[in-house]
Protein backbone atom coordinates (compact mmCIF):
# COMPACT_ATOMS: atom_id res chain seq x y z
CA UNK A 1 1.11 2.54 -7.32
CA UNK A 2 -1.06 4.78 -7.74
CA UNK A 3 -0.87 5.77 -11.17
CA UNK A 4 -1.70 1.50 -12.14
CA UNK A 5 -5.65 2.54 -10.33
CA UNK A 6 -6.97 3.64 -13.02
CA UNK A 7 -5.71 1.40 -16.00
CA UNK A 8 -7.83 -1.47 -16.50
CA UNK A 9 -5.59 -4.94 -17.04
CA UNK A 10 -6.49 -6.74 -20.34
CA UNK A 11 -6.89 -10.68 -19.85
CA UNK A 12 -5.86 -13.14 -22.47
CA UNK A 13 -8.49 -15.35 -23.25
CA UNK A 14 -9.03 -19.11 -22.27
CA UNK A 15 -6.89 -18.78 -19.73
CA UNK A 16 -9.36 -19.02 -16.92
CA UNK A 17 -13.03 -20.26 -17.65
CA UNK A 18 -15.87 -17.23 -17.38
CA UNK A 19 -17.07 -18.54 -13.70
CA UNK A 20 -13.77 -18.55 -13.18
CA UNK A 21 -12.44 -15.53 -14.24
CA UNK A 22 -16.27 -13.77 -12.47
CA UNK A 23 -15.29 -15.72 -8.57
CA UNK A 24 -11.10 -13.84 -9.22
CA UNK A 25 -12.72 -10.58 -10.05
CA UNK A 26 -14.87 -10.92 -6.69
CA UNK A 27 -12.18 -11.43 -4.77
CA UNK A 28 -9.98 -8.91 -5.82
CA UNK A 29 -12.96 -6.51 -5.13
CA UNK A 30 -13.26 -7.70 -1.58
CA UNK A 31 -9.67 -7.45 -1.29
CA UNK A 32 -9.20 -4.03 -2.51
CA UNK A 33 -12.59 -3.06 0.21
CA UNK A 34 -9.93 -5.12 3.06
CA UNK A 35 -7.29 -2.62 1.79
CA UNK A 36 -9.22 0.50 2.02
CA UNK A 37 -10.67 -0.49 5.18
CA UNK A 38 -7.28 -0.65 6.35
CA UNK A 39 -5.94 2.59 5.34
CA UNK A 40 -8.89 4.24 6.79
CA UNK A 41 -7.82 2.48 9.60
CA UNK A 42 -4.93 3.68 9.90
CA UNK A 43 -5.88 7.23 9.60
CA UNK A 44 -8.19 6.94 12.41
CA UNK A 45 -5.42 5.62 14.72
CA UNK A 46 -2.64 8.82 13.78
CA UNK A 47 -5.39 10.87 14.39
CA UNK A 48 -6.14 9.54 17.73
CA UNK A 49 -2.43 9.47 18.23
CA UNK A 50 -2.00 12.57 17.16
CA UNK A 51 -4.56 14.18 19.55
CA UNK A 52 -3.63 12.54 22.20
CA UNK A 53 0.00 13.85 22.02
CA UNK A 54 -1.58 17.36 21.85
CA UNK A 55 -3.54 16.59 24.99
CA UNK A 56 -0.44 15.91 26.59
CA UNK A 57 1.54 18.63 25.00
CA UNK A 58 -0.92 21.30 26.13
CA UNK A 59 -1.51 19.68 29.66
């Protein structure tokens, strides 16, 4: 999926109105933001669990 991150999607003219297209773009940006937050949350959770396991193992 990473290989598609920088590719621009070509749009067919006339399928959506300009307003619908703008709303769709905002929605996609919002979803991208949520996805990035989820990735950061997962990284943080892994770090917390790693630190916890290190403490258990050093006791």
